[in-house]
């Protein structure tokens, strides 16, 4: 049963990779959507970008829920600006 579960998850991952390859044909659009998501404040504007990001990147359910938490601002309050790669965004963008 464990092996079946593992194989099913691997098949799902490979299917997402194939779909992702199709969607990434327009990298400029993806870049603009991701930049908007990063620089917007948490809330409804970020929430509106989630379906686009999900579709283009073919996110797993776990990745979708993490991104949704970030869009709502839950991740920010838990992590603050001092940890992870996002702590460098303010120095690149001039945002404080």
C-alpha atoms as a PDB file:
ATOM      1  CA  UNK A   1       0.000   0.000   0.000  1.00  0.00           C
ATOM      2  CA  UNK A   2       2.855   2.379   0.829  1.00  0.00           C
ATOM      3  CA  UNK A   3       4.470   1.707  -2.521  1.00  0.00           C
ATOM      4  CA  UNK A   4       1.166   2.294  -4.342  1.00  0.00           C
ATOM      5  CA  UNK A   5       0.726   5.609  -2.564  1.00  0.00           C
ATOM      6  CA  UNK A   6       4.287   6.620  -3.395  1.00  0.00           C
ATOM      7  CA  UNK A   7       3.882   5.665  -7.053  1.00  0.00           C
ATOM      8  CA  UNK A   8       0.588   7.557  -7.331  1.00  0.00           C
ATOM      9  CA  UNK A   9       2.137  10.701  -5.889  1.00  0.00           C
ATOM     10  CA  UNK A  10       5.050  10.368  -8.300  1.00  0.00           C
ATOM     11  CA  UNK A  11       2.669  10.008 -11.260  1.00  0.00           C
ATOM     12  CA  UNK A  12       0.782  13.127 -10.110  1.00  0.00           C
ATOM     13  CA  UNK A  13       4.071  15.025  -9.812  1.00  0.00           C
ATOM     14  CA  UNK A  14       5.093  13.997 -13.336  1.00  0.00           C
ATOM     15  CA  UNK A  15       1.694  15.012 -14.712  1.00  0.00           C
ATOM     16  CA  UNK A  16       2.035  18.430 -13.067  1.00  0.00           C
ATOM     17  CA  UNK A  17       5.519  18.775 -14.583  1.00  0.00           C
ATOM     18  CA  UNK A  18       4.147  18.060 -18.060  1.00  0.00           C
ATOM     19  CA  UNK A  19       1.347  20.600 -17.629  1.00  0.00           C
ATOM     20  CA  UNK A  20       3.822  23.116 -16.229  1.00  0.00           C
ATOM     21  CA  UNK A  21       5.979  22.790 -19.344  1.00  0.00           C
ATOM     22  CA  UNK A  22       2.987  23.692 -21.516  1.00  0.00           C
ATOM     23  CA  UNK A  23       2.071  26.697 -19.376  1.00  0.00           C
ATOM     24  CA  UNK A  24       5.555  28.129 -19.114  1.00  0.00           C
ATOM     25  CA  UNK A  25       5.641  28.903 -22.834  1.00  0.00           C
ATOM     26  CA  UNK A  26       4.790  32.485 -21.919  1.00  0.00           C
ATOM     27  CA  UNK A  27       7.486  33.283 -19.368  1.00  0.00           C
ATOM     28  CA  UNK A  28       7.043  37.049 -19.617  1.00  0.00           C
ATOM     29  CA  UNK A  29       3.423  36.756 -18.460  1.00  0.00           C
ATOM     30  CA  UNK A  30       4.406  34.411 -15.633  1.00  0.00           C
ATOM     31  CA  UNK A  31       7.164  36.797 -14.557  1.00  0.00           C
ATOM     32  CA  UNK A  32       4.728  39.727 -14.434  1.00  0.00           C
ATOM     33  CA  UNK A  33       2.141  37.768 -12.441  1.00  0.00           C
ATOM     34  CA  UNK A  34       4.744  36.619  -9.904  1.00  0.00           C
ATOM     35  CA  UNK A  35       6.162  40.124  -9.514  1.00  0.00           C
ATOM     36  CA  UNK A  36       2.677  41.496  -8.916  1.00  0.00           C
ATOM     37  CA  UNK A  37       2.056  38.819  -6.289  1.00  0.00           C
ATOM     38  CA  UNK A  38       5.337  39.557  -4.522  1.00  0.00           C
ATOM     39  CA  UNK A  39       4.940  43.323  -4.387  1.00  0.00           C
ATOM     40  CA  UNK A  40       1.236  43.549  -3.554  1.00  0.00           C
ATOM     41  CA  UNK A  41       0.145  43.724   0.044  1.00  0.00           C
ATOM     42  CA  UNK A  42      -1.681  40.668   1.333  1.00  0.00           C
ATOM     43  CA  UNK A  43      -5.390  40.638   0.690  1.00  0.00           C
ATOM     44  CA  UNK A  44      -7.909  40.387  -2.106  1.00  0.00           C
ATOM     45  CA  UNK A  45      -5.563  41.581  -4.881  1.00  0.00           C
ATOM     46  CA  UNK A  46      -3.097  38.806  -4.061  1.00  0.00           C
ATOM     47  CA  UNK A  47      -5.960  36.339  -3.704  1.00  0.00           C
ATOM     48  CA  UNK A  48      -7.109  37.224  -7.240  1.00  0.00           C
ATOM     49  CA  UNK A  49      -3.722  36.149  -8.645  1.00  0.00           C
ATOM     50  CA  UNK A  50      -3.803  32.704  -7.005  1.00  0.00           C
ATOM     51  CA  UNK A  51      -5.815  30.924  -9.745  1.00  0.00           C
ATOM     52  CA  UNK A  52      -3.441  32.233 -12.412  1.00  0.00           C
ATOM     53  CA  UNK A  53      -0.372  31.078 -10.480  1.00  0.00           C
ATOM     54  CA  UNK A  54      -1.963  27.708  -9.714  1.00  0.00           C
ATOM     55  CA  UNK A  55      -2.804  27.151 -13.372  1.00  0.00           C
ATOM     56  CA  UNK A  56       0.529  28.208 -14.799  1.00  0.00           C
ATOM     57  CA  UNK A  57       2.710  26.384 -12.284  1.00  0.00           C
ATOM     58  CA  UNK A  58       0.462  23.359 -11.712  1.00  0.00           C
ATOM     59  CA  UNK A  59       0.950  23.520  -7.947  1.00  0.00           C
ATOM     60  CA  UNK A  60       0.407  20.552  -5.669  1.00  0.00           C
ATOM     61  CA  UNK A  61      -2.361  20.810  -3.050  1.00  0.00           C
ATOM     62  CA  UNK A  62       0.265  21.472  -0.362  1.00  0.00           C
ATOM     63  CA  UNK A  63       1.882  24.230  -2.438  1.00  0.00           C
ATOM     64  CA  UNK A  64      -1.556  25.753  -3.117  1.00  0.00           C
ATOM     65  CA  UNK A  65      -2.373  25.936   0.581  1.00  0.00           C
ATOM     66  CA  UNK A  66       1.010  27.471   1.433  1.00  0.00           C
ATOM     67  CA  UNK A  67       0.601  30.100  -1.267  1.00  0.00           C
ATOM     68  CA  UNK A  68      -2.942  30.851  -0.109  1.00  0.00           C
ATOM     69  CA  UNK A  69      -1.650  31.390   3.434  1.00  0.00           C
ATOM     70  CA  UNK A  70       1.003  33.778   2.131  1.00  0.00           C
ATOM     71  CA  UNK A  71      -1.601  35.661   0.076  1.00  0.00           C
ATOM     72  CA  UNK A  72      -3.737  36.127   3.194  1.00  0.00           C
ATOM     73  CA  UNK A  73      -0.761  37.391   5.162  1.00  0.00           C
ATOM     74  CA  UNK A  74      -0.627  34.451   7.568  1.00  0.00           C
ATOM     75  CA  UNK A  75       2.923  33.540   6.607  1.00  0.00           C
ATOM     76  CA  UNK A  76       4.158  37.110   7.099  1.00  0.00           C
ATOM     77  CA  UNK A  77       3.035  37.335  10.694  1.00  0.00           C
ATOM     78  CA  UNK A  78       4.567  33.963  11.516  1.00  0.00           C
ATOM     79  CA  UNK A  79       7.854  34.457   9.673  1.00  0.00           C
ATOM     80  CA  UNK A  80       8.412  38.199   9.732  1.00  0.00           C
ATOM     81  CA  UNK A  81      10.951  39.868   7.491  1.00  0.00           C
ATOM     82  CA  UNK A  82      14.018  38.354   9.119  1.00  0.00           C
ATOM     83  CA  UNK A  83      13.900  34.824   7.716  1.00  0.00           C
ATOM     84  CA  UNK A  84      14.027  33.172   4.312  1.00  0.00           C
ATOM     85  CA  UNK A  85      14.782  34.540   0.884  1.00  0.00           C
ATOM     86  CA  UNK A  86      12.001  37.125   1.096  1.00  0.00           C
ATOM     87  CA  UNK A  87      14.018  39.029   3.685  1.00  0.00           C
ATOM     88  CA  UNK A  88      16.125  40.300   0.761  1.00  0.00           C
ATOM     89  CA  UNK A  89      13.212  41.701  -1.258  1.00  0.00           C
ATOM     90  CA  UNK A  90      13.196  45.024   0.528  1.00  0.00           C
ATOM     91  CA  UNK A  91      16.836  45.668  -0.363  1.00  0.00           C
ATOM     92  CA  UNK A  92      16.248  44.844  -4.051  1.00  0.00           C
ATOM     93  CA  UNK A  93      13.074  46.814  -4.455  1.00  0.00           C
ATOM     94  CA  UNK A  94      13.551  49.731  -2.103  1.00  0.00           C
ATOM     95  CA  UNK A  95      10.486  48.603  -0.088  1.00  0.00           C
ATOM     96  CA  UNK A  96      10.921  48.870   3.676  1.00  0.00           C
END
